[in-house]
């Protein structure tokens, strides 16, 4: 997917794209007893971001929306951790992991800003 100015700020497509890119990233990593559980964890946390954001957009109340956004932020933070662990377990993946880490760091900051705006 080519990033345009319009979809850079469309969190639905941005979180979906991030989850998809993590899946493709993980397909390149050879699975062994160390990497297999790491791959499973990063795929769960990375794809959960978009799923929870979709749920937030369909929230039945402001409280429900805020709760889902909190989950998005937590899953983003968890994804950063798992990306780091994957790059330790498979150093050849470090450059791709770093690129994905930068994207999920931006998502973490965006969700944090949404949360702080909701508090005010």
Protein backbone atom coordinates (compact mmCIF):
# COMPACT_ATOMS: atom_id res chain seq x y z
CA UNK A 1 0.00 0.00 0.00
CA UNK A 2 1.38 3.38 -0.97
CA UNK A 3 1.10 5.88 1.85
CA UNK A 4 -0.61 9.10 0.90
CA UNK A 5 -1.32 12.13 3.03
CA UNK A 6 -4.96 11.03 3.32
CA UNK A 7 -4.30 7.51 4.63
CA UNK A 8 -1.43 8.60 6.89
CA UNK A 9 -4.09 9.97 9.22
CA UNK A 10 -6.70 7.24 8.59
CA UNK A 11 -6.10 5.09 11.64
CA UNK A 12 -8.32 2.27 10.41
CA UNK A 13 -6.19 1.69 7.33
CA UNK A 14 -2.96 2.57 9.13
CA UNK A 15 -3.51 0.00 11.89
CA UNK A 16 -4.65 -2.57 9.32
CA UNK A 17 -1.56 -1.91 7.24
CA UNK A 18 0.66 -2.27 10.31
CA UNK A 19 -0.89 -5.65 11.20
CA UNK A 20 -0.50 -6.83 7.61
CA UNK A 21 3.14 -5.74 7.46
CA UNK A 22 3.89 -7.57 10.71
CA UNK A 23 2.36 -10.76 9.27
CA UNK A 24 4.53 -10.44 6.14
CA UNK A 25 7.58 -9.66 8.31
CA UNK A 26 6.98 -12.78 10.41
CA UNK A 27 6.62 -15.00 7.34
CA UNK A 28 10.28 -14.24 6.52
CA UNK A 29 11.56 -15.40 9.92
CA UNK A 30 12.63 -19.04 10.17
CA UNK A 31 10.69 -20.77 12.92
CA UNK A 32 12.48 -22.64 15.67
CA UNK A 33 11.85 -23.20 19.38
CA UNK A 34 12.78 -19.59 20.16
CA UNK A 35 11.23 -17.66 17.29
CA UNK A 36 7.94 -19.56 17.06
CA UNK A 37 6.43 -18.21 20.32
CA UNK A 38 7.82 -14.73 19.60
CA UNK A 39 6.18 -14.73 16.16
CA UNK A 40 2.90 -15.83 17.69
CA UNK A 41 3.04 -13.04 20.28
CA UNK A 42 3.92 -10.24 17.86
CA UNK A 43 1.21 -11.28 15.42
CA UNK A 44 -1.39 -11.33 18.21
CA UNK A 45 -0.46 -7.92 19.60
CA UNK A 46 0.09 -6.22 16.23
CA UNK A 47 -3.19 -7.37 14.70
CA UNK A 48 -5.07 -6.61 17.91
CA UNK A 49 -4.33 -2.90 17.50
CA UNK A 50 -6.46 -2.59 14.39
CA UNK A 51 -9.19 -4.88 15.69
CA UNK A 52 -9.55 -2.83 18.86
CA UNK A 53 -9.49 0.41 16.91
CA UNK A 54 -12.36 -0.87 14.76
CA UNK A 55 -14.24 -1.74 17.94
CA UNK A 56 -13.51 1.73 19.34
CA UNK A 57 -15.09 3.30 16.28
CA UNK A 58 -18.23 1.24 16.90
CA UNK A 59 -18.25 1.95 20.63
CA UNK A 60 -21.59 2.35 22.35
CA UNK A 61 -20.37 5.08 24.71
CA UNK A 62 -17.50 7.46 25.36
CA UNK A 63 -16.35 5.17 28.19
CA UNK A 64 -16.32 2.15 25.85
CA UNK A 65 -14.42 4.18 23.21
CA UNK A 66 -11.83 5.27 25.77
CA UNK A 67 -11.39 1.69 27.01
CA UNK A 68 -10.79 0.37 23.47
CA UNK A 69 -8.29 3.15 22.75
CA UNK A 70 -6.45 2.23 25.97
CA UNK A 71 -6.26 -1.33 24.69
CA UNK A 72 -4.91 -0.06 21.35
CA UNK A 73 -2.15 1.79 23.19
CA UNK A 74 -1.31 -1.22 25.36
CA UNK A 75 -1.15 -3.53 22.34
CA UNK A 76 1.05 -1.00 20.53
CA UNK A 77 3.45 -0.94 23.46
CA UNK A 78 3.46 -4.72 23.63
CA UNK A 79 4.19 -4.91 19.89
CA UNK A 80 7.29 -2.76 20.38
CA UNK A 81 8.53 -5.22 22.98
CA UNK A 82 7.95 -8.27 20.76
CA UNK A 83 9.58 -6.59 17.76
CA UNK A 84 12.67 -6.06 19.87
CA UNK A 85 12.65 -9.70 21.03
CA UNK A 86 12.29 -10.96 17.45
CA UNK A 87 15.25 -8.85 16.36
CA UNK A 88 17.33 -10.29 19.22
CA UNK A 89 16.34 -13.85 18.30
CA UNK A 90 16.86 -13.28 14.58
CA UNK A 91 19.33 -10.39 14.05
CA UNK A 92 18.89 -10.52 10.28
CA UNK A 93 15.40 -9.07 10.84
CA UNK A 94 16.62 -6.02 12.77
CA UNK A 95 16.25 -3.46 9.95
CA UNK A 96 12.68 -4.50 9.16
CA UNK A 97 11.87 -4.73 12.88
CA UNK A 98 13.23 -1.20 13.40
CA UNK A 99 11.02 0.16 10.60
CA UNK A 100 7.96 -1.53 12.09
CA UNK A 101 8.95 -0.35 15.58
CA UNK A 102 9.00 3.27 14.37
CA UNK A 103 5.50 2.91 12.95
CA UNK A 104 4.10 1.33 16.10
CA UNK A 105 5.81 3.99 18.22
CA UNK A 106 3.91 6.61 16.22
CA UNK A 107 0.69 4.68 16.78
CA UNK A 108 1.44 4.52 20.52
CA UNK A 109 1.88 8.29 20.60
CA UNK A 110 -1.33 8.85 18.61
CA UNK A 111 -3.36 6.65 20.95
CA UNK A 112 -1.77 8.39 23.93
CA UNK A 113 -2.81 11.75 22.53
CA UNK A 114 -6.37 10.52 21.96
CA UNK A 115 -6.50 9.34 25.59
CA UNK A 116 -5.16 12.63 26.95
CA UNK A 117 -7.64 14.58 24.80
CA UNK A 118 -10.50 12.48 26.18
CA UNK A 119 -9.42 13.28 29.75
CA UNK A 120 -9.68 17.03 29.11
